[in-house]
C-alpha atoms as a PDB file:
ATOM      1  CA  UNK A   1      12.161   3.609 -20.454  1.00  0.00           C
ATOM      2  CA  UNK A   2       9.803   2.206 -17.815  1.00  0.00           C
ATOM      3  CA  UNK A   3      11.093   0.355 -14.752  1.00  0.00           C
ATOM      4  CA  UNK A   4       9.957  -3.110 -15.886  1.00  0.00           C
ATOM      5  CA  UNK A   5      10.344  -2.857 -19.668  1.00  0.00           C
ATOM      6  CA  UNK A   6      11.067  -6.261 -21.181  1.00  0.00           C
ATOM      7  CA  UNK A   7      10.028  -8.182 -18.062  1.00  0.00           C
ATOM      8  CA  UNK A   8       7.396 -10.923 -17.961  1.00  0.00           C
ATOM      9  CA  UNK A   9       5.240 -11.229 -14.837  1.00  0.00           C
ATOM     10  CA  UNK A  10       2.860 -13.945 -13.633  1.00  0.00           C
ATOM     11  CA  UNK A  11       0.328 -12.709 -11.077  1.00  0.00           C
ATOM     12  CA  UNK A  12      -1.672 -15.428  -9.318  1.00  0.00           C
ATOM     13  CA  UNK A  13      -5.001 -14.326  -7.893  1.00  0.00           C
ATOM     14  CA  UNK A  14      -5.258 -11.392 -10.285  1.00  0.00           C
ATOM     15  CA  UNK A  15      -8.944 -11.345 -11.204  1.00  0.00           C
ATOM     16  CA  UNK A  16      -9.859  -8.724  -8.588  1.00  0.00           C
ATOM     17  CA  UNK A  17      -8.695  -6.782  -5.544  1.00  0.00           C
ATOM     18  CA  UNK A  18      -5.023  -6.517  -4.684  1.00  0.00           C
ATOM     19  CA  UNK A  19      -3.988  -8.971  -7.406  1.00  0.00           C
ATOM     20  CA  UNK A  20      -5.731  -6.963 -10.107  1.00  0.00           C
ATOM     21  CA  UNK A  21      -4.183  -3.724  -8.818  1.00  0.00           C
ATOM     22  CA  UNK A  22      -0.729  -5.306  -8.884  1.00  0.00           C
ATOM     23  CA  UNK A  23      -1.215  -6.715 -12.385  1.00  0.00           C
ATOM     24  CA  UNK A  24      -2.263  -3.288 -13.682  1.00  0.00           C
ATOM     25  CA  UNK A  25       0.636  -1.541 -11.929  1.00  0.00           C
ATOM     26  CA  UNK A  26       3.208  -3.993 -13.315  1.00  0.00           C
ATOM     27  CA  UNK A  27       1.828  -3.467 -16.807  1.00  0.00           C
ATOM     28  CA  UNK A  28       1.922   0.318 -16.392  1.00  0.00           C
ATOM     29  CA  UNK A  29       5.588  -0.057 -15.397  1.00  0.00           C
ATOM     30  CA  UNK A  30       6.307  -1.859 -18.666  1.00  0.00           C
ATOM     31  CA  UNK A  31       5.944  -5.546 -17.807  1.00  0.00           C
ATOM     32  CA  UNK A  32       4.042  -8.059 -19.887  1.00  0.00           C
ATOM     33  CA  UNK A  33       1.582  -9.709 -17.513  1.00  0.00           C
ATOM     34  CA  UNK A  34      -0.061 -13.113 -17.250  1.00  0.00           C
ATOM     35  CA  UNK A  35      -3.293 -12.439 -15.353  1.00  0.00           C
ATOM     36  CA  UNK A  36      -3.874 -15.736 -13.557  1.00  0.00           C
ATOM     37  CA  UNK A  37      -6.788 -16.980 -11.446  1.00  0.00           C
ATOM     38  CA  UNK A  38      -9.696 -19.431 -11.443  1.00  0.00           C
ATOM     39  CA  UNK A  39     -12.229 -16.707 -12.287  1.00  0.00           C
ATOM     40  CA  UNK A  40     -12.936 -17.072 -15.990  1.00  0.00           C
ATOM     41  CA  UNK A  41     -16.580 -16.033 -15.608  1.00  0.00           C
ATOM     42  CA  UNK A  42     -18.382 -13.667 -13.262  1.00  0.00           C
ATOM     43  CA  UNK A  43     -19.404 -15.409 -10.037  1.00  0.00           C
ATOM     44  CA  UNK A  44     -20.368 -14.369  -6.537  1.00  0.00           C
ATOM     45  CA  UNK A  45     -17.623 -11.762  -6.582  1.00  0.00           C
ATOM     46  CA  UNK A  46     -17.018  -9.347  -9.488  1.00  0.00           C
ATOM     47  CA  UNK A  47     -13.953  -9.585 -11.696  1.00  0.00           C
ATOM     48  CA  UNK A  48     -12.412 -12.131 -14.057  1.00  0.00           C
ATOM     49  CA  UNK A  49      -9.010 -12.753 -15.574  1.00  0.00           C
ATOM     50  CA  UNK A  50     -10.443 -11.603 -18.899  1.00  0.00           C
ATOM     51  CA  UNK A  51     -11.738  -8.263 -17.579  1.00  0.00           C
ATOM     52  CA  UNK A  52      -8.392  -7.453 -15.935  1.00  0.00           C
ATOM     53  CA  UNK A  53      -6.381  -8.443 -19.026  1.00  0.00           C
ATOM     54  CA  UNK A  54      -8.698  -6.348 -21.190  1.00  0.00           C
ATOM     55  CA  UNK A  55      -8.288  -3.379 -18.853  1.00  0.00           C
ATOM     56  CA  UNK A  56      -4.522  -3.628 -19.291  1.00  0.00           C
ATOM     57  CA  UNK A  57      -4.581  -4.018 -23.064  1.00  0.00           C
ATOM     58  CA  UNK A  58      -7.125  -1.213 -23.515  1.00  0.00           C
ATOM     59  CA  UNK A  59      -4.713   1.063 -21.645  1.00  0.00           C
ATOM     60  CA  UNK A  60      -1.923   0.146 -24.062  1.00  0.00           C
ATOM     61  CA  UNK A  61      -0.245  -2.567 -21.994  1.00  0.00           C
ATOM     62  CA  UNK A  62       0.421  -6.226 -22.704  1.00  0.00           C
ATOM     63  CA  UNK A  63      -1.437  -8.995 -20.887  1.00  0.00           C
ATOM     64  CA  UNK A  64      -3.117 -12.349 -21.377  1.00  0.00           C
ATOM     65  CA  UNK A  65      -5.669 -14.119 -19.175  1.00  0.00           C
ATOM     66  CA  UNK A  66      -4.397 -17.467 -17.870  1.00  0.00           C
ATOM     67  CA  UNK A  67      -6.723 -19.893 -16.050  1.00  0.00           C
ATOM     68  CA  UNK A  68      -5.006 -21.156 -12.911  1.00  0.00           C
ATOM     69  CA  UNK A  69      -6.137 -22.982  -9.772  1.00  0.00           C
ATOM     70  CA  UNK A  70      -3.294 -22.723  -7.253  1.00  0.00           C
ATOM     71  CA  UNK A  71      -4.582 -25.783  -5.364  1.00  0.00           C
ATOM     72  CA  UNK A  72      -4.066 -27.948  -8.461  1.00  0.00           C
ATOM     73  CA  UNK A  73      -0.415 -28.596  -9.320  1.00  0.00           C
ATOM     74  CA  UNK A  74      -1.215 -29.570 -12.907  1.00  0.00           C
ATOM     75  CA  UNK A  75      -3.215 -26.371 -13.412  1.00  0.00           C
ATOM     76  CA  UNK A  76      -0.316 -24.305 -12.071  1.00  0.00           C
ATOM     77  CA  UNK A  77       2.239 -26.083 -14.250  1.00  0.00           C
ATOM     78  CA  UNK A  78       0.073 -25.568 -17.336  1.00  0.00           C
ATOM     79  CA  UNK A  79      -0.444 -21.872 -16.518  1.00  0.00           C
ATOM     80  CA  UNK A  80       3.266 -21.201 -16.001  1.00  0.00           C
ATOM     81  CA  UNK A  81       4.142 -23.178 -19.138  1.00  0.00           C
ATOM     82  CA  UNK A  82       1.584 -21.236 -21.197  1.00  0.00           C
ATOM     83  CA  UNK A  83       3.061 -17.959 -19.963  1.00  0.00           C
ATOM     84  CA  UNK A  84       6.622 -18.956 -20.816  1.00  0.00           C
ATOM     85  CA  UNK A  85       5.647 -20.331 -24.221  1.00  0.00           C
ATOM     86  CA  UNK A  86       3.689 -17.166 -25.068  1.00  0.00           C
ATOM     87  CA  UNK A  87       6.192 -14.595 -23.844  1.00  0.00           C
ATOM     88  CA  UNK A  88       9.500 -16.446 -24.012  1.00  0.00           C
ATOM     89  CA  UNK A  89      10.325 -16.559 -20.323  1.00  0.00           C
ATOM     90  CA  UNK A  90       9.415 -15.420 -16.826  1.00  0.00           C
ATOM     91  CA  UNK A  91      11.043 -12.753 -14.657  1.00  0.00           C
ATOM     92  CA  UNK A  92       8.506 -11.888 -11.946  1.00  0.00           C
ATOM     93  CA  UNK A  93       6.140 -13.983  -9.844  1.00  0.00           C
ATOM     94  CA  UNK A  94       3.472 -12.479  -7.612  1.00  0.00           C
ATOM     95  CA  UNK A  95       1.794 -15.101  -5.408  1.00  0.00           C
ATOM     96  CA  UNK A  96      -1.401 -13.363  -4.348  1.00  0.00           C
ATOM     97  CA  UNK A  97      -4.201 -15.949  -4.595  1.00  0.00           C
ATOM     98  CA  UNK A  98      -5.985 -16.196  -1.270  1.00  0.00           C
ATOM     99  CA  UNK A  99      -9.155 -16.907   0.658  1.00  0.00           C
ATOM    100  CA  UNK A 100     -10.291 -15.125   3.802  1.00  0.00           C
ATOM    101  CA  UNK A 101     -11.519 -16.699   7.034  1.00  0.00           C
ATOM    102  CA  UNK A 102     -11.126 -14.630  10.196  1.00  0.00           C
ATOM    103  CA  UNK A 103     -13.441 -16.410  12.607  1.00  0.00           C
ATOM    104  CA  UNK A 104     -12.313 -17.591  16.059  1.00  0.00           C
ATOM    105  CA  UNK A 105     -10.471 -20.892  16.112  1.00  0.00           C
ATOM    106  CA  UNK A 106     -13.084 -22.641  18.235  1.00  0.00           C
ATOM    107  CA  UNK A 107     -15.820 -21.908  15.698  1.00  0.00           C
ATOM    108  CA  UNK A 108     -13.751 -22.533  12.562  1.00  0.00           C
ATOM    109  CA  UNK A 109     -14.931 -25.536  10.537  1.00  0.00           C
ATOM    110  CA  UNK A 110     -12.106 -27.923   9.687  1.00  0.00           C
ATOM    111  CA  UNK A 111     -12.827 -27.514   5.978  1.00  0.00           C
ATOM    112  CA  UNK A 112     -12.371 -23.722   6.258  1.00  0.00           C
ATOM    113  CA  UNK A 113      -9.070 -24.175   8.094  1.00  0.00           C
ATOM    114  CA  UNK A 114      -7.881 -26.584   5.416  1.00  0.00           C
ATOM    115  CA  UNK A 115      -9.026 -24.306   2.587  1.00  0.00           C
ATOM    116  CA  UNK A 116      -6.968 -21.420   3.999  1.00  0.00           C
ATOM    117  CA  UNK A 117      -3.913 -23.634   4.174  1.00  0.00           C
ATOM    118  CA  UNK A 118      -4.519 -25.135   0.718  1.00  0.00           C
ATOM    119  CA  UNK A 119      -4.931 -21.778  -1.058  1.00  0.00           C
ATOM    120  CA  UNK A 120      -2.951 -19.317   1.032  1.00  0.00           C
ATOM    121  CA  UNK A 121       0.060 -21.463   1.917  1.00  0.00           C
ATOM    122  CA  UNK A 122       0.267 -24.550  -0.290  1.00  0.00           C
ATOM    123  CA  UNK A 123      -0.914 -22.468  -3.256  1.00  0.00           C
ATOM    124  CA  UNK A 124       2.061 -20.140  -2.778  1.00  0.00           C
ATOM    125  CA  UNK A 125       4.374 -23.147  -2.531  1.00  0.00           C
ATOM    126  CA  UNK A 126       2.955 -24.606  -5.760  1.00  0.00           C
ATOM    127  CA  UNK A 127       3.258 -21.493  -7.948  1.00  0.00           C
ATOM    128  CA  UNK A 128       6.667 -20.690  -6.475  1.00  0.00           C
ATOM    129  CA  UNK A 129       8.004 -24.173  -7.132  1.00  0.00           C
ATOM    130  CA  UNK A 130       6.788 -24.022 -10.738  1.00  0.00           C
ATOM    131  CA  UNK A 131       8.242 -20.555 -11.358  1.00  0.00           C
ATOM    132  CA  UNK A 132      11.743 -20.977  -9.905  1.00  0.00           C
ATOM    133  CA  UNK A 133      13.335 -22.848 -12.857  1.00  0.00           C
ATOM    134  CA  UNK A 134      12.106 -20.216 -15.289  1.00  0.00           C
ATOM    135  CA  UNK A 135      13.438 -17.274 -13.250  1.00  0.00           C
ATOM    136  CA  UNK A 136      16.708 -19.126 -12.851  1.00  0.00           C
ATOM    137  CA  UNK A 137      16.885 -19.588 -16.632  1.00  0.00           C
ATOM    138  CA  UNK A 138      16.605 -15.802 -17.060  1.00  0.00           C
ATOM    139  CA  UNK A 139      19.587 -15.247 -14.779  1.00  0.00           C
ATOM    140  CA  UNK A 140      17.507 -13.883 -11.912  1.00  0.00           C
ATOM    141  CA  UNK A 141      14.299 -12.081 -11.135  1.00  0.00           C
ATOM    142  CA  UNK A 142      11.839 -11.329  -8.376  1.00  0.00           C
ATOM    143  CA  UNK A 143       9.300 -13.344  -6.404  1.00  0.00           C
ATOM    144  CA  UNK A 144       6.697 -11.610  -4.232  1.00  0.00           C
ATOM    145  CA  UNK A 145       4.190 -13.217  -1.884  1.00  0.00           C
ATOM    146  CA  UNK A 146       1.306 -11.057  -0.678  1.00  0.00           C
ATOM    147  CA  UNK A 147       0.749 -11.471   3.058  1.00  0.00           C
ATOM    148  CA  UNK A 148      -0.920  -9.391   5.781  1.00  0.00           C
ATOM    149  CA  UNK A 149       0.028  -7.162   8.692  1.00  0.00           C
ATOM    150  CA  UNK A 150      -2.312  -9.362  10.750  1.00  0.00           C
ATOM    151  CA  UNK A 151       0.510 -11.892  11.172  1.00  0.00           C
ATOM    152  CA  UNK A 152       2.036  -9.702  13.889  1.00  0.00           C
ATOM    153  CA  UNK A 153      -1.264  -8.884  15.633  1.00  0.00           C
ATOM    154  CA  UNK A 154      -1.014 -11.679  18.177  1.00  0.00           C
ATOM    155  CA  UNK A 155      -2.768  -9.532  20.796  1.00  0.00           C
ATOM    156  CA  UNK A 156      -5.908  -9.853  18.643  1.00  0.00           C
ATOM    157  CA  UNK A 157      -6.038 -13.617  18.785  1.00  0.00           C
ATOM    158  CA  UNK A 158      -5.726 -16.243  16.092  1.00  0.00           C
ATOM    159  CA  UNK A 159      -7.499 -17.194  12.896  1.00  0.00           C
ATOM    160  CA  UNK A 160      -6.872 -19.445   9.913  1.00  0.00           C
ATOM    161  CA  UNK A 161      -6.076 -16.548   7.576  1.00  0.00           C
ATOM    162  CA  UNK A 162      -3.319 -15.048   9.720  1.00  0.00           C
ATOM    163  CA  UNK A 163      -1.828 -18.470  10.472  1.00  0.00           C
ATOM    164  CA  UNK A 164      -1.642 -19.379   6.773  1.00  0.00           C
ATOM    165  CA  UNK A 165       0.017 -16.070   5.934  1.00  0.00           C
ATOM    166  CA  UNK A 166       2.557 -16.545   8.741  1.00  0.00           C
ATOM    167  CA  UNK A 167       3.584 -19.779   7.049  1.00  0.00           C
ATOM    168  CA  UNK A 168       4.060 -17.924   3.769  1.00  0.00           C
ATOM    169  CA  UNK A 169       6.343 -15.396   5.440  1.00  0.00           C
ATOM    170  CA  UNK A 170       8.544 -18.147   6.841  1.00  0.00           C
ATOM    171  CA  UNK A 171       8.594 -19.878   3.448  1.00  0.00           C
ATOM    172  CA  UNK A 172       9.675 -16.756   1.579  1.00  0.00           C
ATOM    173  CA  UNK A 173      12.219 -15.395   4.053  1.00  0.00           C
ATOM    174  CA  UNK A 174      13.916 -18.787   4.053  1.00  0.00           C
ATOM    175  CA  UNK A 175      13.684 -19.101   0.294  1.00  0.00           C
ATOM    176  CA  UNK A 176      15.478 -15.783  -0.118  1.00  0.00           C
ATOM    177  CA  UNK A 177      18.619 -17.406   1.274  1.00  0.00           C
ATOM    178  CA  UNK A 178      18.168 -20.499  -0.898  1.00  0.00           C
ATOM    179  CA  UNK A 179      17.852 -18.464  -4.112  1.00  0.00           C
ATOM    180  CA  UNK A 180      20.405 -15.728  -3.501  1.00  0.00           C
ATOM    181  CA  UNK A 181      22.999 -17.566  -5.589  1.00  0.00           C
ATOM    182  CA  UNK A 182      20.487 -17.648  -8.453  1.00  0.00           C
ATOM    183  CA  UNK A 183      20.109 -13.850  -8.305  1.00  0.00           C
ATOM    184  CA  UNK A 184      16.405 -14.132  -7.419  1.00  0.00           C
ATOM    185  CA  UNK A 185      14.944 -11.623  -4.975  1.00  0.00           C
ATOM    186  CA  UNK A 186      12.309 -13.127  -2.678  1.00  0.00           C
ATOM    187  CA  UNK A 187      10.104 -10.811  -0.618  1.00  0.00           C
ATOM    188  CA  UNK A 188       6.755 -10.660   1.134  1.00  0.00           C
ATOM    189  CA  UNK A 189       4.497  -7.652   0.723  1.00  0.00           C
ATOM    190  CA  UNK A 190       1.690  -6.734   3.113  1.00  0.00           C
ATOM    191  CA  UNK A 191      -0.689  -3.784   3.130  1.00  0.00           C
ATOM    192  CA  UNK A 192       0.121  -1.247   5.824  1.00  0.00           C
ATOM    193  CA  UNK A 193      -3.596  -0.769   6.467  1.00  0.00           C
ATOM    194  CA  UNK A 194      -6.771  -2.511   5.261  1.00  0.00           C
ATOM    195  CA  UNK A 195      -7.485  -2.792   1.546  1.00  0.00           C
ATOM    196  CA  UNK A 196     -11.248  -3.092   1.117  1.00  0.00           C
ATOM    197  CA  UNK A 197     -11.245  -5.660  -1.657  1.00  0.00           C
ATOM    198  CA  UNK A 198     -14.242  -7.617  -2.870  1.00  0.00           C
ATOM    199  CA  UNK A 199     -12.982 -10.585  -0.851  1.00  0.00           C
ATOM    200  CA  UNK A 200     -12.704  -8.518   2.308  1.00  0.00           C
ATOM    201  CA  UNK A 201     -16.207  -7.168   1.861  1.00  0.00           C
ATOM    202  CA  UNK A 202     -17.566 -10.700   1.448  1.00  0.00           C
ATOM    203  CA  UNK A 203     -15.515 -12.384   4.166  1.00  0.00           C
ATOM    204  CA  UNK A 204     -14.456  -9.734   6.643  1.00  0.00           C
ATOM    205  CA  UNK A 205     -17.039 -10.734   9.188  1.00  0.00           C
ATOM    206  CA  UNK A 206     -18.917  -7.454   9.023  1.00  0.00           C
ATOM    207  CA  UNK A 207     -16.068  -5.518  10.620  1.00  0.00           C
ATOM    208  CA  UNK A 208     -16.422  -1.750  10.292  1.00  0.00           C
ATOM    209  CA  UNK A 209     -13.120  -0.170   9.255  1.00  0.00           C
ATOM    210  CA  UNK A 210     -12.515   3.511  10.121  1.00  0.00           C
ATOM    211  CA  UNK A 211     -11.642   5.577   7.027  1.00  0.00           C
ATOM    212  CA  UNK A 212      -8.175   6.388   8.369  1.00  0.00           C
ATOM    213  CA  UNK A 213      -7.414   2.648   8.442  1.00  0.00           C
ATOM    214  CA  UNK A 214      -8.238   2.109   4.762  1.00  0.00           C
ATOM    215  CA  UNK A 215      -5.522   1.889   2.111  1.00  0.00           C
ATOM    216  CA  UNK A 216      -6.181   2.108  -1.646  1.00  0.00           C
ATOM    217  CA  UNK A 217      -5.179  -1.019  -3.596  1.00  0.00           C
ATOM    218  CA  UNK A 218      -3.038   1.134  -5.887  1.00  0.00           C
ATOM    219  CA  UNK A 219      -0.529   1.528  -3.051  1.00  0.00           C
ATOM    220  CA  UNK A 220       0.040  -2.219  -3.079  1.00  0.00           C
ATOM    221  CA  UNK A 221       0.487  -2.010  -6.840  1.00  0.00           C
ATOM    222  CA  UNK A 222       3.139   0.691  -6.568  1.00  0.00           C
ATOM    223  CA  UNK A 223       4.985  -1.225  -3.836  1.00  0.00           C
ATOM    224  CA  UNK A 224       4.889  -4.418  -5.891  1.00  0.00           C
ATOM    225  CA  UNK A 225       6.504  -2.590  -8.820  1.00  0.00           C
ATOM    226  CA  UNK A 226       9.415  -1.577  -6.603  1.00  0.00           C
ATOM    227  CA  UNK A 227       9.921  -5.135  -5.349  1.00  0.00           C
ATOM    228  CA  UNK A 228       9.469  -6.584  -8.844  1.00  0.00           C
ATOM    229  CA  UNK A 229      12.386  -4.476 -10.074  1.00  0.00           C
ATOM    230  CA  UNK A 230      14.765  -6.136  -7.596  1.00  0.00           C
ATOM    231  CA  UNK A 231      17.108  -9.077  -7.897  1.00  0.00           C
ATOM    232  CA  UNK A 232      19.228 -10.705  -5.201  1.00  0.00           C
ATOM    233  CA  UNK A 233      21.717  -7.818  -5.285  1.00  0.00           C
ATOM    234  CA  UNK A 234      18.950  -5.490  -4.125  1.00  0.00           C
ATOM    235  CA  UNK A 235      16.064  -5.865  -1.692  1.00  0.00           C
ATOM    236  CA  UNK A 236      15.483  -9.499  -0.742  1.00  0.00           C
ATOM    237  CA  UNK A 237      14.421 -11.545   2.268  1.00  0.00           C
ATOM    238  CA  UNK A 238      12.091  -8.859   3.602  1.00  0.00           C
ATOM    239  CA  UNK A 239       8.551  -8.729   4.940  1.00  0.00           C
ATOM    240  CA  UNK A 240       7.718  -5.292   3.585  1.00  0.00           C
ATOM    241  CA  UNK A 241       4.685  -3.095   4.125  1.00  0.00           C
ATOM    242  CA  UNK A 242       3.262  -1.108   1.244  1.00  0.00           C
ATOM    243  CA  UNK A 243       3.265   2.369   2.777  1.00  0.00           C
ATOM    244  CA  UNK A 244       6.819   1.928   4.026  1.00  0.00           C
ATOM    245  CA  UNK A 245       7.946   1.326   0.446  1.00  0.00           C
ATOM    246  CA  UNK A 246       5.553   3.935  -0.993  1.00  0.00           C
ATOM    247  CA  UNK A 247       4.953   6.659   1.637  1.00  0.00           C
ATOM    248  CA  UNK A 248       1.485   8.202   1.401  1.00  0.00           C
ATOM    249  CA  UNK A 249       0.939  11.936   1.278  1.00  0.00           C
ATOM    250  CA  UNK A 250      -1.093  13.263   4.171  1.00  0.00           C
END
């Protein structure tokens, strides 16, 4: 028996990068996965909800593509409802949808600041709010928000991305206390190093990352599986890093 057999997972922001890696890992661990994102067709960045769902099903797993815009409450409600109606319930939420903007504050356009807050923070709030009643109805489950180790790098200045993720960490660590009585584990998960996703390549500001600072996305997937298997009696209320949960061989 696999670790997540019989579980249903909803992964927001799963059309590429870390979200896709997590969706695949959850499926490999036995979960049925709703692959959720806005990307129904190929755009500026590669990857769609359909290509990720097909990758899972071709490997013998169970997944469906679910269109979802985390900045639109109706879209989120419809996506969560479609998942529950298709699979009979919901046990795991992964809030991963995000946009990247790492420019200095003084040169950050207001619309970029707002977009980071709308997607990275309010988007997490929206999918979390929609998912809670369904996890509660199952008698418990696991909620995971993907954040960043940049939150603690205050010696390197400030940017909209890190600020939005700091808000997510406060939201989820507080929510862990609120949902303990409902047997729902609530954790944040950050990469220990840099995952060179398509989004990072497009929006990382041309930063060169030394090879020793690069982490494969599969490590985030493996760490997410461990957190997804928890309920409130296990690991909850943490801001975890991937390579702490899944030590890498040297």
